[in-house]
């Protein structure tokens, strides 16, 4: 979430989406609030981070071991 606007879900171990789009209308001038809600247990061993990039990372691997 950014400023109480839900961006969607991100599931790193399942793919294929590795980035979320932040529409301009969700941003405020000045400071913006980012809220992360983790349900599965982070697998990053203490080095998790949020990075803003200009180009999306799409079409990653799809894992079907549900």
C-alpha atoms as a PDB file:
ATOM      1  CA  UNK A   1       0.000   0.000   0.000  1.00  0.00           C
ATOM      2  CA  UNK A   2       1.076   3.519  -0.599  1.00  0.00           C
ATOM      3  CA  UNK A   3      -0.907   6.288   1.100  1.00  0.00           C
ATOM      4  CA  UNK A   4      -3.749   3.790   1.799  1.00  0.00           C
ATOM      5  CA  UNK A   5      -3.946   2.870  -1.915  1.00  0.00           C
ATOM      6  CA  UNK A   6      -3.625  -0.892  -2.457  1.00  0.00           C
ATOM      7  CA  UNK A   7      -1.079  -1.594  -5.201  1.00  0.00           C
ATOM      8  CA  UNK A   8      -1.738  -5.323  -5.397  1.00  0.00           C
ATOM      9  CA  UNK A   9       0.079  -8.434  -4.272  1.00  0.00           C
ATOM     10  CA  UNK A  10       3.649  -9.540  -4.681  1.00  0.00           C
ATOM     11  CA  UNK A  11       4.658 -13.178  -4.311  1.00  0.00           C
ATOM     12  CA  UNK A  12       8.396 -13.433  -4.909  1.00  0.00           C
ATOM     13  CA  UNK A  13       8.625 -17.237  -4.782  1.00  0.00           C
ATOM     14  CA  UNK A  14       5.750 -17.780  -7.248  1.00  0.00           C
ATOM     15  CA  UNK A  15       6.200 -15.003  -9.841  1.00  0.00           C
ATOM     16  CA  UNK A  16       5.752 -13.916 -12.560  1.00  0.00           C
ATOM     17  CA  UNK A  17       5.414 -10.345 -11.293  1.00  0.00           C
ATOM     18  CA  UNK A  18       8.438  -8.808  -9.569  1.00  0.00           C
ATOM     19  CA  UNK A  19       7.347  -5.158  -9.559  1.00  0.00           C
ATOM     20  CA  UNK A  20       4.187  -3.253  -8.670  1.00  0.00           C
ATOM     21  CA  UNK A  21       3.006  -0.146 -10.523  1.00  0.00           C
ATOM     22  CA  UNK A  22       2.452   3.007  -8.458  1.00  0.00           C
ATOM     23  CA  UNK A  23       0.038   5.340 -10.250  1.00  0.00           C
ATOM     24  CA  UNK A  24       0.733   9.046  -9.972  1.00  0.00           C
ATOM     25  CA  UNK A  25      -2.675   9.657  -8.371  1.00  0.00           C
ATOM     26  CA  UNK A  26      -1.621   7.485  -5.382  1.00  0.00           C
ATOM     27  CA  UNK A  27       1.336   9.752  -4.556  1.00  0.00           C
ATOM     28  CA  UNK A  28       1.298  12.942  -2.507  1.00  0.00           C
ATOM     29  CA  UNK A  29       3.597  15.932  -2.803  1.00  0.00           C
ATOM     30  CA  UNK A  30       6.301  15.590  -0.166  1.00  0.00           C
ATOM     31  CA  UNK A  31       6.287  12.474   2.048  1.00  0.00           C
ATOM     32  CA  UNK A  32       4.438   9.271   1.119  1.00  0.00           C
ATOM     33  CA  UNK A  33       3.592   6.348   3.414  1.00  0.00           C
ATOM     34  CA  UNK A  34       4.461   2.791   2.296  1.00  0.00           C
ATOM     35  CA  UNK A  35       2.802  -0.096   4.159  1.00  0.00           C
ATOM     36  CA  UNK A  36       3.968  -3.697   3.666  1.00  0.00           C
ATOM     37  CA  UNK A  37       1.852  -6.560   4.979  1.00  0.00           C
ATOM     38  CA  UNK A  38       3.732  -9.877   5.119  1.00  0.00           C
ATOM     39  CA  UNK A  39       1.688 -13.086   5.476  1.00  0.00           C
ATOM     40  CA  UNK A  40       4.073 -15.816   4.318  1.00  0.00           C
ATOM     41  CA  UNK A  41       7.234 -14.980   6.252  1.00  0.00           C
ATOM     42  CA  UNK A  42       9.925 -12.995   4.497  1.00  0.00           C
ATOM     43  CA  UNK A  43      12.593 -15.174   2.885  1.00  0.00           C
ATOM     44  CA  UNK A  44      15.162 -12.398   2.596  1.00  0.00           C
ATOM     45  CA  UNK A  45      17.016 -13.110   5.868  1.00  0.00           C
ATOM     46  CA  UNK A  46      16.892  -9.552   7.202  1.00  0.00           C
ATOM     47  CA  UNK A  47      17.869  -7.758   3.995  1.00  0.00           C
ATOM     48  CA  UNK A  48      14.396  -6.931   2.624  1.00  0.00           C
ATOM     49  CA  UNK A  49      13.973  -3.580   0.914  1.00  0.00           C
ATOM     50  CA  UNK A  50      11.705  -1.525  -1.339  1.00  0.00           C
ATOM     51  CA  UNK A  51      13.246  -0.067  -4.477  1.00  0.00           C
ATOM     52  CA  UNK A  52      11.641   2.359  -6.907  1.00  0.00           C
ATOM     53  CA  UNK A  53      12.630   1.632 -10.517  1.00  0.00           C
ATOM     54  CA  UNK A  54      11.703   3.233 -13.837  1.00  0.00           C
ATOM     55  CA  UNK A  55      11.218  -0.019 -15.769  1.00  0.00           C
ATOM     56  CA  UNK A  56       9.077  -2.927 -14.510  1.00  0.00           C
ATOM     57  CA  UNK A  57      10.439  -6.448 -14.082  1.00  0.00           C
ATOM     58  CA  UNK A  58       7.806  -8.708 -15.648  1.00  0.00           C
ATOM     59  CA  UNK A  59       7.512 -12.216 -17.080  1.00  0.00           C
ATOM     60  CA  UNK A  60       9.532 -13.974 -14.401  1.00  0.00           C
ATOM     61  CA  UNK A  61       9.333 -17.719 -13.738  1.00  0.00           C
ATOM     62  CA  UNK A  62       6.016 -19.241 -12.740  1.00  0.00           C
ATOM     63  CA  UNK A  63       6.047 -21.968 -10.100  1.00  0.00           C
ATOM     64  CA  UNK A  64       3.054 -24.295  -9.874  1.00  0.00           C
ATOM     65  CA  UNK A  65       3.843 -26.092  -6.624  1.00  0.00           C
ATOM     66  CA  UNK A  66       0.757 -24.815  -4.803  1.00  0.00           C
END
